[in-house]
Amino acid sequence: MAIGTAAGWSNLATTVTAIVLAFFFGYSLTSWPLIRSGLPLRSVVPIALGADTISIAVMEAVDNAFIIAVPGALDAGLGDVLFWASIGGGFALAFGPAFAVNRYLIRRGKGHALVHH
């Protein structure tokens, strides 16, 4: 959100960029240790996709829905408390559902359980 806001992008471009970066960094944080451990990329990709896709999607859906719902948050600048408070509030609100999804998946041998398999 900060990149698009600082660059003066539209709300749609800012939100899409934030979502794309969330998936990129989420997959990267799972993939890097696996690659460093010697797993080939063709093995790492399905593990990262299986481990993170649902939880990142839930996190982003809740987080961005909250930011969109807060009046004025999308129009706030980087120096506005509303900008940072809406991002923090969205993260805080999204943590619970994302945690629950991860826990559900791990109990069933999916999600991050795939990484440790």
PDB file of N, CA and C in Angstrom:
ATOM      1  N   MET A   1       0.826  -1.190   0.000  1.00  0.00           N
ATOM      2  CA  MET A   1       0.000   0.000   0.000  1.00  0.00           C
ATOM      3  C   MET A   1       0.870   1.254   0.000  1.00  0.00           C
ATOM      4  N   ALA A   2       1.963   1.196   0.721  1.00  0.00           N
ATOM      5  CA  ALA A   2       2.834   2.367   0.818  1.00  0.00           C
ATOM      6  C   ALA A   2       3.453   2.706  -0.535  1.00  0.00           C
ATOM      7  N   ILE A   3       3.804   1.697  -1.317  1.00  0.00           N
ATOM      8  CA  ILE A   3       4.417   1.945  -2.630  1.00  0.00           C
ATOM      9  C   ILE A   3       3.447   2.687  -3.540  1.00  0.00           C
ATOM     10  N   GLY A   4       2.241   2.166  -3.656  1.00  0.00           N
ATOM     11  CA  GLY A   4       1.240   2.793  -4.521  1.00  0.00           C
ATOM     12  C   GLY A   4       0.823   4.163  -4.036  1.00  0.00           C
ATOM     13  N   THR A   5       0.715   4.314  -2.726  1.00  0.00           N
ATOM     14  CA  THR A   5       0.347   5.618  -2.166  1.00  0.00           C
ATOM     15  C   THR A   5       1.445   6.637  -2.430  1.00  0.00           C
ATOM     16  N   ALA A   6       2.680   6.244  -2.198  1.00  0.00           N
ATOM     17  CA  ALA A   6       3.807   7.159  -2.432  1.00  0.00           C
ATOM     18  C   ALA A   6       3.941   7.525  -3.907  1.00  0.00           C
ATOM     19  N   ALA A   7       3.623   6.575  -4.782  1.00  0.00           N
ATOM     20  CA  ALA A   7       3.750   6.810  -6.227  1.00  0.00           C
ATOM     21  C   ALA A   7       2.527   7.516  -6.811  1.00  0.00           C
ATOM     22  N   GLY A   8       1.476   7.672  -6.009  1.00  0.00           N
ATOM     23  CA  GLY A   8       0.275   8.345  -6.498  1.00  0.00           C
ATOM     24  C   GLY A   8      -0.576   7.485  -7.416  1.00  0.00           C
ATOM     25  N   TRP A   9      -0.472   6.157  -7.291  1.00  0.00           N
ATOM     26  CA  TRP A   9      -1.251   5.255  -8.135  1.00  0.00           C
ATOM     27  C   TRP A   9      -2.719   5.261  -7.721  1.00  0.00           C
ATOM     28  N   SER A  10      -3.544   4.718  -8.579  1.00  0.00           N
ATOM     29  CA  SER A  10      -4.974   4.585  -8.260  1.00  0.00           C
ATOM     30  C   SER A  10      -5.144   3.574  -7.134  1.00  0.00           C
ATOM     31  N   ASN A  11      -6.311   3.608  -6.502  1.00  0.00           N
ATOM     32  CA  ASN A  11      -6.598   2.664  -5.425  1.00  0.00           C
ATOM     33  C   ASN A  11      -6.543   1.221  -5.925  1.00  0.00           C
ATOM     34  N   LEU A  12      -7.044   0.977  -7.124  1.00  0.00           N
ATOM     35  CA  LEU A  12      -7.034  -0.376  -7.683  1.00  0.00           C
ATOM     36  C   LEU A  12      -5.599  -0.853  -7.916  1.00  0.00           C
ATOM     37  N   ALA A  13      -4.776  -0.023  -8.544  1.00  0.00           N
ATOM     38  CA  ALA A  13      -3.385  -0.403  -8.814  1.00  0.00           C
ATOM     39  C   ALA A  13      -2.619  -0.615  -7.514  1.00  0.00           C
ATOM     40  N   THR A  14      -2.876   0.217  -6.528  1.00  0.00           N
ATOM     41  CA  THR A  14      -2.216   0.090  -5.236  1.00  0.00           C
ATOM     42  C   THR A  14      -2.606  -1.221  -4.561  1.00  0.00           C
ATOM     43  N   THR A  15      -3.889  -1.539  -4.555  1.00  0.00           N
ATOM     44  CA  THR A  15      -4.378  -2.762  -3.917  1.00  0.00           C
ATOM     45  C   THR A  15      -3.874  -4.008  -4.635  1.00  0.00           C
ATOM     46  N   VAL A  16      -3.910  -4.012  -5.953  1.00  0.00           N
ATOM     47  CA  VAL A  16      -3.422  -5.160  -6.728  1.00  0.00           C
ATOM     48  C   VAL A  16      -1.931  -5.361  -6.478  1.00  0.00           C
ATOM     49  N   THR A  17      -1.169  -4.284  -6.463  1.00  0.00           N
ATOM     50  CA  THR A  17       0.270  -4.391  -6.197  1.00  0.00           C
ATOM     51  C   THR A  17       0.519  -4.960  -4.802  1.00  0.00           C
ATOM     52  N   ALA A  18      -0.235  -4.509  -3.824  1.00  0.00           N
ATOM     53  CA  ALA A  18      -0.076  -5.015  -2.456  1.00  0.00           C
ATOM     54  C   ALA A  18      -0.364  -6.513  -2.393  1.00  0.00           C
ATOM     55  N   ILE A  19      -1.384  -6.960  -3.104  1.00  0.00           N
ATOM     56  CA  ILE A  19      -1.738  -8.383  -3.114  1.00  0.00           C
ATOM     57  C   ILE A  19      -0.663  -9.204  -3.813  1.00  0.00           C
ATOM     58  N   VAL A  20      -0.205  -8.735  -4.957  1.00  0.00           N
ATOM     59  CA  VAL A  20       0.850  -9.449  -5.695  1.00  0.00           C
ATOM     60  C   VAL A  20       2.109  -9.556  -4.846  1.00  0.00           C
ATOM     61  N   LEU A  21       2.499  -8.471  -4.197  1.00  0.00           N
ATOM     62  CA  LEU A  21       3.699  -8.501  -3.353  1.00  0.00           C
ATOM     63  C   LEU A  21       3.514  -9.417  -2.141  1.00  0.00           C
ATOM     64  N   ALA A  22       2.312  -9.478  -1.594  1.00  0.00           N
ATOM     65  CA  ALA A  22       2.061 -10.371  -0.462  1.00  0.00           C
ATOM     66  C   ALA A  22       2.278 -11.827  -0.871  1.00  0.00           C
ATOM     67  N   PHE A  23       1.769 -12.199  -2.031  1.00  0.00           N
ATOM     68  CA  PHE A  23       1.976 -13.567  -2.513  1.00  0.00           C
ATOM     69  C   PHE A  23       3.452 -13.807  -2.830  1.00  0.00           C
ATOM     70  N   PHE A  24       4.102 -12.855  -3.484  1.00  0.00           N
ATOM     71  CA  PHE A  24       5.511 -13.009  -3.834  1.00  0.00           C
ATOM     72  C   PHE A  24       6.370 -13.233  -2.587  1.00  0.00           C
ATOM     73  N   PHE A  25       6.215 -12.354  -1.597  1.00  0.00           N
ATOM     74  CA  PHE A  25       7.032 -12.477  -0.397  1.00  0.00           C
ATOM     75  C   PHE A  25       6.623 -13.678   0.451  1.00  0.00           C
ATOM     76  N   GLY A  26       5.334 -13.996   0.489  1.00  0.00           N
ATOM     77  CA  GLY A  26       4.892 -15.184   1.228  1.00  0.00           C
ATOM     78  C   GLY A  26       5.492 -16.458   0.655  1.00  0.00           C
ATOM     79  N   TYR A  27       5.425 -16.602  -0.659  1.00  0.00           N
ATOM     80  CA  TYR A  27       6.025 -17.781  -1.297  1.00  0.00           C
ATOM     81  C   TYR A  27       7.546 -17.768  -1.130  1.00  0.00           C
ATOM     82  N   SER A  28       8.152 -16.604  -1.234  1.00  0.00           N
ATOM     83  CA  SER A  28       9.607 -16.508  -1.105  1.00  0.00           C
ATOM     84  C   SER A  28      10.077 -16.928   0.282  1.00  0.00           C
ATOM     85  N   LEU A  29       9.373 -16.487   1.316  1.00  0.00           N
ATOM     86  CA  LEU A  29       9.777 -16.825   2.682  1.00  0.00           C
ATOM     87  C   LEU A  29       9.678 -18.329   2.952  1.00  0.00           C
ATOM     88  N   THR A  30       8.781 -19.004   2.262  1.00  0.00           N
ATOM     89  CA  THR A  30       8.706 -20.457   2.378  1.00  0.00           C
ATOM     90  C   THR A  30       9.757 -21.126   1.506  1.00  0.00           C
ATOM     91  N   SER A  31       9.992 -20.585   0.328  1.00  0.00           N
ATOM     92  CA  SER A  31      10.876 -21.226  -0.655  1.00  0.00           C
ATOM     93  C   SER A  31      12.356 -21.122  -0.330  1.00  0.00           C
ATOM     94  N   TRP A  32      12.809 -19.974   0.137  1.00  0.00           N
ATOM     95  CA  TRP A  32      14.246 -19.770   0.349  1.00  0.00           C
ATOM     96  C   TRP A  32      14.885 -20.839   1.232  1.00  0.00           C
ATOM     97  N   PRO A  33      14.326 -21.144   2.411  1.00  0.00           N
ATOM     98  CA  PRO A  33      14.963 -22.179   3.228  1.00  0.00           C
ATOM     99  C   PRO A  33      14.969 -23.554   2.552  1.00  0.00           C
ATOM    100  N   LEU A  34      13.919 -23.852   1.802  1.00  0.00           N
ATOM    101  CA  LEU A  34      13.849 -25.140   1.116  1.00  0.00           C
ATOM    102  C   LEU A  34      14.900 -25.234   0.017  1.00  0.00           C
ATOM    103  N   ILE A  35      15.083 -24.150  -0.697  1.00  0.00           N
ATOM    104  CA  ILE A  35      16.104 -24.127  -1.753  1.00  0.00           C
ATOM    105  C   ILE A  35      17.489 -24.215  -1.132  1.00  0.00           C
ATOM    106  N   ARG A  36      17.709 -23.488  -0.043  1.00  0.00           N
ATOM    107  CA  ARG A  36      19.010 -23.530   0.631  1.00  0.00           C
ATOM    108  C   ARG A  36      19.317 -24.918   1.191  1.00  0.00           C
ATOM    109  N   SER A  37      18.263 -25.671   1.514  1.00  0.00           N
ATOM    110  CA  SER A  37      18.484 -27.021   2.045  1.00  0.00           C
ATOM    111  C   SER A  37      18.823 -28.016   0.942  1.00  0.00           C
ATOM    112  N   GLY A  38      18.737 -27.563  -0.313  1.00  0.00           N
ATOM    113  CA  GLY A  38      19.130 -28.422  -1.422  1.00  0.00           C
ATOM    114  C   GLY A  38      17.998 -28.971  -2.261  1.00  0.00           C
ATOM    115  N   LEU A  39      16.770 -28.659  -1.913  1.00  0.00           N
ATOM    116  CA  LEU A  39      15.651 -29.132  -2.729  1.00  0.00           C
ATOM    117  C   LEU A  39      15.652 -28.430  -4.082  1.00  0.00           C
ATOM    118  N   PRO A  40      15.368 -29.153  -5.143  1.00  0.00           N
ATOM    119  CA  PRO A  40      15.292 -28.500  -6.456  1.00  0.00           C
ATOM    120  C   PRO A  40      14.041 -27.638  -6.561  1.00  0.00           C
ATOM    121  N   LEU A  41      14.105 -26.618  -7.399  1.00  0.00           N
ATOM    122  CA  LEU A  41      12.993 -25.683  -7.569  1.00  0.00           C
ATOM    123  C   LEU A  41      11.703 -26.399  -7.956  1.00  0.00           C
ATOM    124  N   ARG A  42      11.807 -27.441  -8.764  1.00  0.00           N
ATOM    125  CA  ARG A  42      10.600 -28.166  -9.189  1.00  0.00           C
ATOM    126  C   ARG A  42       9.901 -28.856  -8.013  1.00  0.00           C
ATOM    127  N   SER A  43      10.631 -29.112  -6.949  1.00  0.00           N
ATOM    128  CA  SER A  43      10.026 -29.666  -5.735  1.00  0.00           C
ATOM    129  C   SER A  43       9.536 -28.570  -4.798  1.00  0.00           C
ATOM    130  N   VAL A  44      10.225 -27.440  -4.803  1.00  0.00           N
ATOM    131  CA  VAL A  44       9.901 -26.339  -3.893  1.00  0.00           C
ATOM    132  C   VAL A  44       8.597 -25.647  -4.298  1.00  0.00           C
ATOM    133  N   VAL A  45       8.393 -25.448  -5.586  1.00  0.00           N
ATOM    134  CA  VAL A  45       7.219 -24.690  -6.052  1.00  0.00           C
ATOM    135  C   VAL A  45       5.905 -25.305  -5.567  1.00  0.00           C
ATOM    136  N   PRO A  46       5.653 -26.610  -5.769  1.00  0.00           N
ATOM    137  CA  PRO A  46       4.376 -27.142  -5.277  1.00  0.00           C
ATOM    138  C   PRO A  46       4.244 -27.098  -3.754  1.00  0.00           C
ATOM    139  N   ILE A  47       5.365 -27.221  -3.042  1.00  0.00           N
ATOM    140  CA  ILE A  47       5.314 -27.133  -1.581  1.00  0.00           C
ATOM    141  C   ILE A  47       4.911 -25.729  -1.161  1.00  0.00           C
ATOM    142  N   ALA A  48       5.549 -24.720  -1.738  1.00  0.00           N
ATOM    143  CA  ALA A  48       5.237 -23.327  -1.389  1.00  0.00           C
ATOM    144  C   ALA A  48       3.800 -22.981  -1.760  1.00  0.00           C
ATOM    145  N   LEU A  49       3.371 -23.408  -2.933  1.00  0.00           N
ATOM    146  CA  LEU A  49       1.990 -23.128  -3.346  1.00  0.00           C
ATOM    147  C   LEU A  49       0.993 -23.795  -2.411  1.00  0.00           C
ATOM    148  N   GLY A  50       1.252 -25.038  -2.068  1.00  0.00           N
ATOM    149  CA  GLY A  50       0.351 -25.768  -1.180  1.00  0.00           C
ATOM    150  C   GLY A  50       0.362 -25.246   0.240  1.00  0.00           C
ATOM    151  N   ALA A  51       1.511 -24.783   0.679  1.00  0.00           N
ATOM    152  CA  ALA A  51       1.644 -24.317   2.063  1.00  0.00           C
ATOM    153  C   ALA A  51       1.044 -22.938   2.286  1.00  0.00           C
ATOM    154  N   ASP A  52       1.123 -22.079   1.287  1.00  0.00           N
ATOM    155  CA  ASP A  52       0.823 -20.665   1.537  1.00  0.00           C
ATOM    156  C   ASP A  52      -0.373 -20.071   0.803  1.00  0.00           C
ATOM    157  N   THR A  53      -0.825 -20.654  -0.269  1.00  0.00           N
ATOM    158  CA  THR A  53      -1.841 -20.005  -1.099  1.00  0.00           C
ATOM    159  C   THR A  53      -3.107 -19.650  -0.328  1.00  0.00           C
ATOM    160  N   ILE A  54      -3.672 -20.600   0.380  1.00  0.00           N
ATOM    161  CA  ILE A  54      -4.945 -20.339   1.070  1.00  0.00           C
ATOM    162  C   ILE A  54      -4.767 -19.319   2.187  1.00  0.00           C
ATOM    163  N   SER A  55      -3.701 -19.459   2.979  1.00  0.00           N
ATOM    164  CA  SER A  55      -3.535 -18.534   4.100  1.00  0.00           C
ATOM    165  C   SER A  55      -3.236 -17.111   3.628  1.00  0.00           C
ATOM    166  N   ILE A  56      -2.437 -16.962   2.569  1.00  0.00           N
ATOM    167  CA  ILE A  56      -2.174 -15.616   2.041  1.00  0.00           C
ATOM    168  C   ILE A  56      -3.458 -15.028   1.463  1.00  0.00           C
ATOM    169  N   ALA A  57      -4.225 -15.840   0.757  1.00  0.00           N
ATOM    170  CA  ALA A  57      -5.481 -15.356   0.170  1.00  0.00           C
ATOM    171  C   ALA A  57      -6.446 -14.874   1.255  1.00  0.00           C
ATOM    172  N   VAL A  58      -6.562 -15.637   2.342  1.00  0.00           N
ATOM    173  CA  VAL A  58      -7.438 -15.236   3.448  1.00  0.00           C
ATOM    174  C   VAL A  58      -6.921 -13.948   4.088  1.00  0.00           C
ATOM    175  N   MET A  59      -5.622 -13.904   4.345  1.00  0.00           N
ATOM    176  CA  MET A  59      -5.021 -12.711   4.963  1.00  0.00           C
ATOM    177  C   MET A  59      -5.277 -11.478   4.100  1.00  0.00           C
ATOM    178  N   GLU A  60      -5.025 -11.593   2.814  1.00  0.00           N
ATOM    179  CA  GLU A  60      -5.203 -10.458   1.911  1.00  0.00           C
ATOM    180  C   GLU A  60      -6.662 -10.055   1.763  1.00  0.00           C
ATOM    181  N   ALA A  61      -7.555 -11.030   1.702  1.00  0.00           N
ATOM    182  CA  ALA A  61      -8.979 -10.714   1.570  1.00  0.00           C
ATOM    183  C   ALA A  61      -9.485  -9.919   2.773  1.00  0.00           C
ATOM    184  N   VAL A  62      -9.171 -10.401   3.969  1.00  0.00           N
ATOM    185  CA  VAL A  62      -9.639  -9.727   5.182  1.00  0.00           C
ATOM    186  C   VAL A  62      -8.957  -8.371   5.341  1.00  0.00           C
ATOM    187  N   ASP A  63      -7.635  -8.348   5.160  1.00  0.00           N
ATOM    188  CA  ASP A  63      -6.875  -7.108   5.328  1.00  0.00           C
ATOM    189  C   ASP A  63      -7.346  -6.021   4.368  1.00  0.00           C
ATOM    190  N   ASN A  64      -7.432  -6.356   3.089  1.00  0.00           N
ATOM    191  CA  ASN A  64      -7.826  -5.352   2.100  1.00  0.00           C
ATOM    192  C   ASN A  64      -9.292  -4.961   2.227  1.00  0.00           C
ATOM    193  N   ALA A  65     -10.147  -5.895   2.602  1.00  0.00           N
ATOM    194  CA  ALA A  65     -11.556  -5.550   2.823  1.00  0.00           C
ATOM    195  C   ALA A  65     -11.675  -4.540   3.968  1.00  0.00           C
ATOM    196  N   PHE A  66     -10.889  -4.733   5.016  1.00  0.00           N
ATOM    197  CA  PHE A  66     -10.906  -3.796   6.135  1.00  0.00           C
ATOM    198  C   PHE A  66     -10.438  -2.411   5.699  1.00  0.00           C
ATOM    199  N   ILE A  67      -9.316  -2.368   4.984  1.00  0.00           N
ATOM    200  CA  ILE A  67      -8.780  -1.072   4.546  1.00  0.00           C
ATOM    201  C   ILE A  67      -9.773  -0.357   3.636  1.00  0.00           C
ATOM    202  N   ILE A  68     -10.398  -1.095   2.738  1.00  0.00           N
ATOM    203  CA  ILE A  68     -11.391  -0.504   1.830  1.00  0.00           C
ATOM    204  C   ILE A  68     -12.603  -0.004   2.619  1.00  0.00           C
ATOM    205  N   ALA A  69     -12.961  -0.719   3.687  1.00  0.00           N
ATOM    206  CA  ALA A  69     -14.148  -0.357   4.466  1.00  0.00           C
ATOM    207  C   ALA A  69     -13.929   0.854   5.371  1.00  0.00           C
ATOM    208  N   VAL A  70     -12.694   1.141   5.727  1.00  0.00           N
ATOM    209  CA  VAL A  70     -12.421   2.286   6.611  1.00  0.00           C
ATOM    210  C   VAL A  70     -12.554   3.572   5.797  1.00  0.00           C
ATOM    211  N   PRO A  71     -13.494   4.427   6.162  1.00  0.00           N
ATOM    212  CA  PRO A  71     -13.695   5.661   5.399  1.00  0.00           C
ATOM    213  C   PRO A  71     -12.427   6.523   5.354  1.00  0.00           C
ATOM    214  N   GLY A  72     -12.010   6.869   4.145  1.00  0.00           N
ATOM    215  CA  GLY A  72     -10.871   7.743   3.944  1.00  0.00           C
ATOM    216  C   GLY A  72      -9.510   7.059   3.946  1.00  0.00           C
ATOM    217  N   ALA A  73      -9.450   5.771   4.286  1.00  0.00           N
ATOM    218  CA  ALA A  73      -8.156   5.084   4.392  1.00  0.00           C
ATOM    219  C   ALA A  73      -7.432   5.017   3.045  1.00  0.00           C
ATOM    220  N   LEU A  74      -8.165   4.763   1.982  1.00  0.00           N
ATOM    221  CA  LEU A  74      -7.535   4.662   0.669  1.00  0.00           C
ATOM    222  C   LEU A  74      -7.042   6.010   0.155  1.00  0.00           C
ATOM    223  N   ASP A  75      -7.608   7.076   0.656  1.00  0.00           N
ATOM    224  CA  ASP A  75      -7.203   8.414   0.218  1.00  0.00           C
ATOM    225  C   ASP A  75      -6.191   9.062   1.156  1.00  0.00           C
ATOM    226  N   ALA A  76      -5.876   8.395   2.260  1.00  0.00           N
ATOM    227  CA  ALA A  76      -4.929   8.950   3.229  1.00  0.00           C
ATOM    228  C   ALA A  76      -3.511   8.864   2.679  1.00  0.00           C
ATOM    229  N   GLY A  77      -2.697   9.809   3.057  1.00  0.00           N
ATOM    230  CA  GLY A  77      -1.303   9.834   2.620  1.00  0.00           C
ATOM    231  C   GLY A  77      -0.398   9.109   3.611  1.00  0.00           C
ATOM    232  N   LEU A  78       0.856   8.948   3.225  1.00  0.00           N
ATOM    233  CA  LEU A  78       1.816   8.239   4.074  1.00  0.00           C
ATOM    234  C   LEU A  78       2.034   8.929   5.422  1.00  0.00           C
ATOM    235  N   GLY A  79       1.810  10.216   5.494  1.00  0.00           N
ATOM    236  CA  GLY A  79       1.983  10.952   6.745  1.00  0.00           C
ATOM    237  C   GLY A  79       0.751  10.965   7.622  1.00  0.00           C
ATOM    238  N   ASP A  80      -0.319  10.342   7.175  1.00  0.00           N
ATOM    239  CA  ASP A  80      -1.567  10.330   7.933  1.00  0.00           C
ATOM    240  C   ASP A  80      -1.648   9.114   8.857  1.00  0.00           C
ATOM    241  N   VAL A  81      -2.060   9.356  10.076  1.00  0.00           N
ATOM    242  CA  VAL A  81      -2.238   8.262  11.032  1.00  0.00           C
ATOM    243  C   VAL A  81      -3.271   7.274  10.507  1.00  0.00           C
ATOM    244  N   LEU A  82      -4.300   7.758   9.830  1.00  0.00           N
ATOM    245  CA  LEU A  82      -5.342   6.887   9.301  1.00  0.00           C
ATOM    246  C   LEU A  82      -4.769   5.837   8.342  1.00  0.00           C
ATOM    247  N   PHE A  83      -3.798   6.230   7.527  1.00  0.00           N
ATOM    248  CA  PHE A  83      -3.173   5.287   6.586  1.00  0.00           C
ATOM    249  C   PHE A  83      -2.565   4.113   7.353  1.00  0.00           C
ATOM    250  N   TRP A  84      -1.718   4.423   8.326  1.00  0.00           N
ATOM    251  CA  TRP A  84      -1.007   3.380   9.069  1.00  0.00           C
ATOM    252  C   TRP A  84      -1.923   2.624  10.019  1.00  0.00           C
ATOM    253  N   ALA A  85      -2.884   3.310  10.604  1.00  0.00           N
ATOM    254  CA  ALA A  85      -3.828   2.646  11.508  1.00  0.00           C
ATOM    255  C   ALA A  85      -4.708   1.653  10.749  1.00  0.00           C
ATOM    256  N   SER A  86      -5.119   2.003   9.534  1.00  0.00           N
ATOM    257  CA  SER A  86      -5.956   1.075   8.762  1.00  0.00           C
ATOM    258  C   SER A  86      -5.152  -0.151   8.332  1.00  0.00           C
ATOM    259  N   ILE A  87      -3.878   0.046   8.001  1.00  0.00           N
ATOM    260  CA  ILE A  87      -3.038  -1.099   7.641  1.00  0.00           C
ATOM    261  C   ILE A  87      -2.813  -1.988   8.878  1.00  0.00           C
ATOM    262  N   GLY A  88      -2.474  -1.377   9.987  1.00  0.00           N
ATOM    263  CA  GLY A  88      -2.280  -2.143  11.222  1.00  0.00           C
ATOM    264  C   GLY A  88      -3.545  -2.850  11.675  1.00  0.00           C
ATOM    265  N   GLY A  89      -4.668  -2.137  11.582  1.00  0.00           N
ATOM    266  CA  GLY A  89      -5.946  -2.739  11.953  1.00  0.00           C
ATOM    267  C   GLY A  89      -6.319  -3.908  11.043  1.00  0.00           C
ATOM    268  N   GLY A  90      -6.049  -3.743   9.755  1.00  0.00           N
ATOM    269  CA  GLY A  90      -6.327  -4.823   8.812  1.00  0.00           C
ATOM    270  C   GLY A  90      -5.487  -6.050   9.090  1.00  0.00           C
ATOM    271  N   PHE A  91      -4.195  -5.838   9.387  1.00  0.00           N
ATOM    272  CA  PHE A  91      -3.316  -6.964   9.729  1.00  0.00           C
ATOM    273  C   PHE A  91      -3.804  -7.657  10.999  1.00  0.00           C
ATOM    274  N   ALA A  92      -4.128  -6.853  12.003  1.00  0.00           N
ATOM    275  CA  ALA A  92      -4.582  -7.418  13.276  1.00  0.00           C
ATOM    276  C   ALA A  92      -5.867  -8.229  13.097  1.00  0.00           C
ATOM    277  N   LEU A  93      -6.783  -7.692  12.330  1.00  0.00           N
ATOM    278  CA  LEU A  93      -8.049  -8.376  12.089  1.00  0.00           C
ATOM    279  C   LEU A  93      -7.858  -9.637  11.252  1.00  0.00           C
ATOM    280  N   ALA A  94      -6.961  -9.598  10.281  1.00  0.00           N
ATOM    281  CA  ALA A  94      -6.748 -10.731   9.379  1.00  0.00           C
ATOM    282  C   ALA A  94      -5.940 -11.851  10.022  1.00  0.00           C
ATOM    283  N   PHE A  95      -5.193 -11.542  11.086  1.00  0.00           N
ATOM    284  CA  PHE A  95      -4.357 -12.556  11.714  1.00  0.00           C
ATOM    285  C   PHE A  95      -5.178 -13.757  12.182  1.00  0.00           C
ATOM    286  N   GLY A  96      -6.291 -13.509  12.840  1.00  0.00           N
ATOM    287  CA  GLY A  96      -7.126 -14.589  13.388  1.00  0.00           C
ATOM    288  C   GLY A  96      -7.598 -15.572  12.327  1.00  0.00           C
ATOM    289  N   PRO A  97      -8.263 -15.087  11.271  1.00  0.00           N
ATOM    290  CA  PRO A  97      -8.707 -16.024  10.230  1.00  0.00           C
ATOM    291  C   PRO A  97      -7.550 -16.743   9.532  1.00  0.00           C
ATOM    292  N   ALA A  98      -6.448 -16.039   9.278  1.00  0.00           N
ATOM    293  CA  ALA A  98      -5.303 -16.678   8.626  1.00  0.00           C
ATOM    294  C   ALA A  98      -4.700 -17.746   9.545  1.00  0.00           C
ATOM    295  N   PHE A  99      -4.605 -17.462  10.833  1.00  0.00           N
ATOM    296  CA  PHE A  99      -4.102 -18.437  11.794  1.00  0.00           C
ATOM    297  C   PHE A  99      -5.009 -19.659  11.835  1.00  0.00           C
ATOM    298  N   ALA A 100      -6.315 -19.423  11.865  1.00  0.00           N
ATOM    299  CA  ALA A 100      -7.276 -20.535  11.906  1.00  0.00           C
ATOM    300  C   ALA A 100      -7.168 -21.413  10.655  1.00  0.00           C
ATOM    301  N   VAL A 101      -7.016 -20.791   9.504  1.00  0.00           N
ATOM    302  CA  VAL A 101      -6.868 -21.553   8.257  1.00  0.00           C
ATOM    303  C   VAL A 101      -5.590 -22.378   8.292  1.00  0.00           C
ATOM    304  N   ASN A 102      -4.483 -21.777   8.724  1.00  0.00           N
ATOM    305  CA  ASN A 102      -3.227 -22.512   8.810  1.00  0.00           C
ATOM    306  C   ASN A 102      -3.329 -23.681   9.785  1.00  0.00           C
ATOM    307  N   ARG A 103      -3.934 -23.444  10.892  1.00  0.00           N
ATOM    308  CA  ARG A 103      -4.094 -24.506  11.892  1.00  0.00           C
ATOM    309  C   ARG A 103      -4.942 -25.652  11.349  1.00  0.00           C
ATOM    310  N   TYR A 104      -6.031 -25.316  10.680  1.00  0.00           N
ATOM    311  CA  TYR A 104      -6.906 -26.319  10.064  1.00  0.00           C
ATOM    312  C   TYR A 104      -6.125 -27.154   9.042  1.00  0.00           C
ATOM    313  N   LEU A 105      -5.353 -26.478   8.183  1.00  0.00           N
ATOM    314  CA  LEU A 105      -4.595 -27.183   7.153  1.00  0.00           C
ATOM    315  C   LEU A 105      -3.510 -28.080   7.761  1.00  0.00           C
ATOM    316  N   ILE A 106      -2.811 -27.584   8.758  1.00  0.00           N
ATOM    317  CA  ILE A 106      -1.751 -28.370   9.387  1.00  0.00           C
ATOM    318  C   ILE A 106      -2.319 -29.619  10.048  1.00  0.00           C
ATOM    319  N   ARG A 107      -3.459 -29.495  10.704  1.00  0.00           N
ATOM    320  CA  ARG A 107      -4.099 -30.657  11.335  1.00  0.00           C
ATOM    321  C   ARG A 107      -4.430 -31.750  10.322  1.00  0.00           C
ATOM    322  N   ARG A 108      -4.657 -31.361   9.097  1.00  0.00           N
ATOM    323  CA  ARG A 108      -5.005 -32.320   8.057  1.00  0.00           C
ATOM    324  C   ARG A 108      -3.814 -32.705   7.184  1.00  0.00           C
ATOM    325  N   GLY A 109      -2.607 -32.330   7.626  1.00  0.00           N
ATOM    326  CA  GLY A 109      -1.400 -32.698   6.896  1.00  0.00           C
ATOM    327  C   GLY A 109      -1.174 -31.877   5.645  1.00  0.00           C
ATOM    328  N   LYS A 110      -1.809 -30.729   5.581  1.00  0.00           N
ATOM    329  CA  LYS A 110      -1.655 -29.851   4.426  1.00  0.00           C
ATOM    330  C   LYS A 110      -1.050 -28.526   4.887  1.00  0.00           C
ATOM    331  N   GLY A 111      -1.020 -27.531   4.008  1.00  0.00           N
ATOM    332  CA  GLY A 111      -0.463 -26.236   4.389  1.00  0.00           C
ATOM    333  C   GLY A 111       0.992 -26.368   4.769  1.00  0.00           C
ATOM    334  N   HIS A 112       1.387 -25.765   5.872  1.00  0.00           N
ATOM    335  CA  HIS A 112       2.787 -25.775   6.287  1.00  0.00           C
ATOM    336  C   HIS A 112       3.262 -27.147   6.743  1.00  0.00           C
ATOM    337  N   ALA A 113       2.343 -28.066   6.973  1.00  0.00           N
ATOM    338  CA  ALA A 113       2.755 -29.434   7.280  1.00  0.00           C
ATOM    339  C   ALA A 113       3.500 -30.024   6.083  1.00  0.00           C
ATOM    340  N   LEU A 114       3.184 -29.556   4.878  1.00  0.00           N
ATOM    341  CA  LEU A 114       3.884 -30.027   3.674  1.00  0.00           C
ATOM    342  C   LEU A 114       5.355 -29.635   3.709  1.00  0.00           C
ATOM    343  N   VAL A 115       5.655 -28.483   4.279  1.00  0.00           N
ATOM    344  CA  VAL A 115       7.029 -28.004   4.329  1.00  0.00           C
ATOM    345  C   VAL A 115       7.866 -28.921   5.212  1.00  0.00           C
ATOM    346  N   HIS A 116       7.276 -29.419   6.271  1.00  0.00           N
ATOM    347  CA  HIS A 116       8.017 -30.235   7.232  1.00  0.00           C
ATOM    348  C   HIS A 116       7.964 -31.724   6.909  1.00  0.00           C
ATOM    349  N   HIS A 117       7.272 -32.083   5.855  1.00  0.00           N
ATOM    350  CA  HIS A 117       7.090 -33.488   5.479  1.00  0.00           C
ATOM    351  C   HIS A 117       8.347 -34.082   4.954  1.00  0.00           C
TER     352      HIS A 117
END
